[in-house]
């Protein structure tokens, strides 16, 4: 049945929500507009609707991405974004590059224009330079359906949580059948270091998807497999949130 009211939809109109872990610096915990919702650090919420999410979910497919964040103290935002972790698109050319703590200014390696495409394979911000890790953050993302939730969203693993994304992918790869034939469960836990306290999620097996739901997830996979995903994202998702810097 054709749904009415969506005739003028164009590519990029849909912004997929993200499964967001609330960090101590998250807007939902520091902005008074959310006080009535009584959020707590470590909770997992829908980044758009702000609903608290259940622990169990079904992964539909995996895709990688990259983001070059502007430090919060320098205004925040995205300087460059790659939806496939292969080609980045410059979003804020005057601030394309890492913030240099020594000179207190931007340190771009070349002049770029907004909309310019940058190869992640050769970009100095996306690769290790000796012992210095890349300043551009690579994410392992999964399109998922949380049990009893109404629509798909993105579950991202980056920086210190990337190992948990690899764990999820490895478990899914070792199981027979399709990725979406099995459920998994998220468990949040707190970590602390000299920079502060932050939260991560670990992933555990959650059982086989009931046969009556398997076809639904297969259809969702077919609908989304060839799309370039644009999803809601922000900076306070891992250890660097404890520093007050972008991740």
Protein backbone atom coordinates (compact mmCIF):
# COMPACT_ATOMS: atom_id res chain seq x y z
CA UNK A 1 0.00 0.00 0.00
CA UNK A 2 1.44 3.34 -1.04
CA UNK A 3 1.73 5.73 1.89
CA UNK A 4 0.59 9.27 1.23
CA UNK A 5 2.39 12.46 2.20
CA UNK A 6 5.90 11.26 1.34
CA UNK A 7 5.86 11.90 -2.43
CA UNK A 8 8.56 14.60 -2.40
CA UNK A 9 11.14 12.55 -0.50
CA UNK A 10 14.70 13.01 -1.71
CA UNK A 11 18.00 11.35 -0.92
CA UNK A 12 19.29 12.59 2.42
CA UNK A 13 15.87 13.58 3.79
CA UNK A 14 15.81 10.72 6.28
CA UNK A 15 18.10 11.00 9.30
CA UNK A 16 18.41 7.65 11.04
CA UNK A 17 18.50 7.85 14.84
CA UNK A 18 21.48 6.51 16.73
CA UNK A 19 21.58 4.36 19.83
CA UNK A 20 23.33 6.81 22.17
CA UNK A 21 25.08 6.07 25.45
CA UNK A 22 24.58 8.94 27.87
CA UNK A 23 27.95 10.25 29.04
CA UNK A 24 28.40 12.60 32.04
CA UNK A 25 28.88 15.45 29.54
CA UNK A 26 25.88 14.54 27.35
CA UNK A 27 23.41 17.32 26.59
CA UNK A 28 20.61 15.18 27.98
CA UNK A 29 22.29 15.28 31.42
CA UNK A 30 23.54 18.86 31.40
CA UNK A 31 20.68 20.73 29.67
CA UNK A 32 17.76 21.70 31.90
CA UNK A 33 15.26 21.02 29.10
CA UNK A 34 15.67 17.28 29.83
CA UNK A 35 15.42 17.46 33.64
CA UNK A 36 11.90 16.01 33.74
CA UNK A 37 13.04 12.85 31.97
CA UNK A 38 15.40 11.88 34.80
CA UNK A 39 18.10 10.47 32.55
CA UNK A 40 21.13 8.77 34.09
CA UNK A 41 24.69 8.41 32.85
CA UNK A 42 25.20 5.04 31.19
CA UNK A 43 21.64 4.76 29.85
CA UNK A 44 21.11 3.90 26.20
CA UNK A 45 18.61 6.15 24.39
CA UNK A 46 17.26 6.90 20.91
CA UNK A 47 19.19 10.03 19.91
CA UNK A 48 16.19 11.60 18.13
CA UNK A 49 13.15 10.60 20.20
CA UNK A 50 15.09 10.41 23.52
CA UNK A 51 13.33 7.14 24.42
CA UNK A 52 15.25 4.74 26.67
CA UNK A 53 16.11 1.63 24.66
CA UNK A 54 15.81 -2.04 25.67
CA UNK A 55 18.97 -4.11 25.90
CA UNK A 56 18.21 -6.65 23.14
CA UNK A 57 18.62 -5.88 19.45
CA UNK A 58 19.00 -7.52 16.05
CA UNK A 59 21.82 -6.35 13.74
CA UNK A 60 20.73 -6.06 10.11
CA UNK A 61 23.99 -5.08 8.40
CA UNK A 62 27.38 -3.43 9.06
CA UNK A 63 28.96 -0.34 7.49
CA UNK A 64 32.00 1.80 8.37
CA UNK A 65 32.30 5.60 8.53
CA UNK A 66 34.74 8.34 9.57
CA UNK A 67 34.34 11.74 11.23
CA UNK A 68 36.85 14.53 11.74
CA UNK A 69 35.52 16.47 14.75
CA UNK A 70 36.25 20.06 15.63
CA UNK A 71 37.21 20.26 19.33
CA UNK A 72 34.38 21.53 21.52
CA UNK A 73 36.48 24.36 22.92
CA UNK A 74 37.00 25.57 19.35
CA UNK A 75 33.30 25.58 18.54
CA UNK A 76 32.57 21.93 17.87
CA UNK A 77 31.02 20.39 14.78
CA UNK A 78 32.24 18.25 11.89
CA UNK A 79 35.14 19.28 9.66
CA UNK A 80 34.94 16.23 7.38
CA UNK A 81 32.68 13.18 7.11
CA UNK A 82 32.98 9.89 5.24
CA UNK A 83 29.93 7.64 5.01
CA UNK A 84 31.98 4.66 3.81
CA UNK A 85 35.36 5.24 5.56
CA UNK A 86 36.89 5.49 2.08
CA UNK A 87 36.12 9.01 0.83
CA UNK A 88 35.60 12.01 3.09
CA UNK A 89 33.65 15.13 2.15
CA UNK A 90 34.92 18.42 3.63
CA UNK A 91 32.19 20.19 5.61
CA UNK A 92 34.06 23.05 7.30
CA UNK A 93 37.08 23.94 5.17
CA UNK A 94 38.55 26.72 7.39
CA UNK A 95 38.77 24.21 10.24
CA UNK A 96 39.80 21.12 8.30
CA UNK A 97 42.51 19.65 10.45
CA UNK A 98 43.46 19.05 14.09
CA UNK A 99 43.65 21.74 16.72
CA UNK A 100 47.28 22.43 17.64
CA UNK A 101 47.55 22.78 21.41
CA UNK A 102 51.04 24.32 21.15
CA UNK A 103 50.06 27.18 18.82
CA UNK A 104 46.39 27.38 19.84
CA UNK A 105 45.26 27.40 16.21
CA UNK A 106 44.24 25.10 13.37
CA UNK A 107 46.99 23.24 11.60
CA UNK A 108 45.67 22.32 8.12
CA UNK A 109 47.99 20.49 5.74
CA UNK A 110 46.54 22.08 2.61
CA UNK A 111 43.85 24.44 1.41
CA UNK A 112 40.55 22.67 0.84
CA UNK A 113 37.07 23.71 -0.23
CA UNK A 114 33.71 22.71 1.25
CA UNK A 115 32.39 19.73 -0.66
CA UNK A 116 35.85 18.57 -1.72
CA UNK A 117 36.38 14.80 -1.64
CA UNK A 118 39.36 13.50 0.34
CA UNK A 119 40.68 9.94 0.08
CA UNK A 120 40.77 8.38 3.55
CA UNK A 121 43.59 6.07 2.42
CA UNK A 122 45.97 9.00 1.90
CA UNK A 123 44.55 11.57 4.34
CA UNK A 124 47.08 12.28 7.15
CA UNK A 125 44.22 12.71 9.66
CA UNK A 126 42.82 9.23 8.96
CA UNK A 127 46.06 7.29 9.41
CA UNK A 128 48.68 6.62 12.06
CA UNK A 129 51.80 8.78 11.87
CA UNK A 130 54.44 6.83 13.73
CA UNK A 131 53.08 6.33 17.24
CA UNK A 132 50.49 9.10 16.86
CA UNK A 133 46.94 7.78 16.32
CA UNK A 134 44.67 9.33 13.66
CA UNK A 135 42.64 12.37 14.74
CA UNK A 136 39.82 11.36 12.40
CA UNK A 137 37.58 8.87 14.17
CA UNK A 138 36.69 5.62 12.42
CA UNK A 139 33.43 3.95 13.43
CA UNK A 140 32.10 0.45 12.94
CA UNK A 141 28.35 0.90 12.59
CA UNK A 142 25.44 -1.50 12.53
CA UNK A 143 21.91 -0.88 11.30
CA UNK A 144 19.88 -2.51 14.07
CA UNK A 145 16.36 -3.06 15.34
CA UNK A 146 15.91 -2.98 19.10
CA UNK A 147 13.32 -5.44 20.34
CA UNK A 148 9.88 -3.78 20.67
CA UNK A 149 11.20 -0.57 19.08
CA UNK A 150 9.32 0.97 16.17
CA UNK A 151 12.05 1.70 13.63
CA UNK A 152 15.67 0.95 12.72
CA UNK A 153 18.58 2.94 14.07
CA UNK A 154 22.36 2.97 14.02
CA UNK A 155 24.56 1.43 16.71
CA UNK A 156 28.11 2.81 16.47
CA UNK A 157 31.38 1.66 17.98
CA UNK A 158 34.40 3.98 17.91
CA UNK A 159 37.63 4.81 19.74
CA UNK A 160 37.83 2.77 22.94
CA UNK A 161 34.54 0.97 22.15
CA UNK A 162 35.67 -0.20 18.68
CA UNK A 163 36.79 -3.51 20.15
CA UNK A 164 33.19 -4.23 21.19
CA UNK A 165 32.00 -3.59 17.64
CA UNK A 166 34.59 -6.06 16.38
CA UNK A 167 33.35 -8.52 18.98
CA UNK A 168 29.76 -8.17 17.73
CA UNK A 169 30.81 -8.61 14.11
CA UNK A 170 32.97 -11.61 14.97
CA UNK A 171 30.15 -13.32 16.89
CA UNK A 172 27.72 -12.67 14.03
CA UNK A 173 30.23 -13.94 11.46
CA UNK A 174 30.78 -17.21 13.35
CA UNK A 175 27.05 -18.00 13.54
CA UNK A 176 25.40 -19.94 10.68
CA UNK A 177 22.93 -18.10 8.49
CA UNK A 178 22.40 -14.35 8.13
CA UNK A 179 23.53 -11.57 10.46
CA UNK A 180 19.88 -10.76 11.25
CA UNK A 181 19.02 -14.33 12.28
CA UNK A 182 20.32 -13.70 15.82
CA UNK A 183 19.72 -11.29 18.68
CA UNK A 184 22.34 -9.72 20.94
CA UNK A 185 22.25 -7.86 24.23
CA UNK A 186 24.00 -4.62 25.22
CA UNK A 187 25.46 -4.13 28.68
CA UNK A 188 26.75 -0.68 29.68
CA UNK A 189 29.64 -0.33 32.11
CA UNK A 190 31.58 2.55 33.63
CA UNK A 191 35.28 3.23 33.14
CA UNK A 192 37.52 5.80 34.74
CA UNK A 193 40.99 7.13 34.08
CA UNK A 194 43.00 10.25 34.82
CA UNK A 195 40.80 12.25 32.44
CA UNK A 196 37.48 11.35 34.06
CA UNK A 197 34.63 8.85 33.92
CA UNK A 198 32.88 7.58 30.80
CA UNK A 199 30.65 4.69 29.71
CA UNK A 200 31.01 1.95 27.13
CA UNK A 201 28.84 -0.94 25.98
CA UNK A 202 29.74 -4.60 25.74
CA UNK A 203 27.83 -7.08 23.58
CA UNK A 204 26.57 -10.53 24.56
CA UNK A 205 24.71 -13.23 22.59
CA UNK A 206 20.93 -12.92 22.96
CA UNK A 207 19.47 -15.97 21.22
CA UNK A 208 17.96 -16.78 17.83
CA UNK A 209 15.40 -14.52 16.17
CA UNK A 210 11.90 -16.08 16.22
CA UNK A 211 10.92 -17.53 12.86
CA UNK A 212 7.90 -15.21 12.55
CA UNK A 213 10.21 -12.16 12.68
CA UNK A 214 12.97 -13.43 10.42
CA UNK A 215 11.19 -12.38 7.21
CA UNK A 216 10.72 -8.83 8.53
CA UNK A 217 14.47 -8.42 9.06
CA UNK A 218 15.26 -10.00 5.68
CA UNK A 219 13.02 -7.42 3.98
CA UNK A 220 14.67 -4.62 5.96
CA UNK A 221 18.09 -5.83 4.83
CA UNK A 222 16.97 -5.79 1.18
CA UNK A 223 15.61 -2.24 1.56
CA UNK A 224 18.71 -0.76 3.20
CA UNK A 225 21.67 -2.74 1.81
CA UNK A 226 22.39 -0.39 -1.11
CA UNK A 227 21.74 2.92 0.66
CA UNK A 228 24.29 5.45 1.91
CA UNK A 229 23.37 6.00 5.54
CA UNK A 230 23.08 9.45 7.03
CA UNK A 231 22.54 9.23 10.77
CA UNK A 232 22.36 11.46 13.79
CA UNK A 233 25.75 11.74 15.46
CA UNK A 234 27.44 13.86 18.11
CA UNK A 235 30.69 14.17 19.96
CA UNK A 236 30.18 12.80 23.47
CA UNK A 237 30.18 9.08 22.74
CA UNK A 238 33.27 7.65 24.41
CA UNK A 239 36.38 8.21 26.46
CA UNK A 240 37.17 11.64 24.98
CA UNK A 241 33.88 12.93 26.40
CA UNK A 242 35.62 12.76 29.77
CA UNK A 243 38.20 15.23 28.48
CA UNK A 244 35.66 17.75 27.26
CA UNK A 245 36.88 17.23 23.69
CA UNK A 246 35.16 15.83 20.65
CA UNK A 247 35.48 12.13 19.93
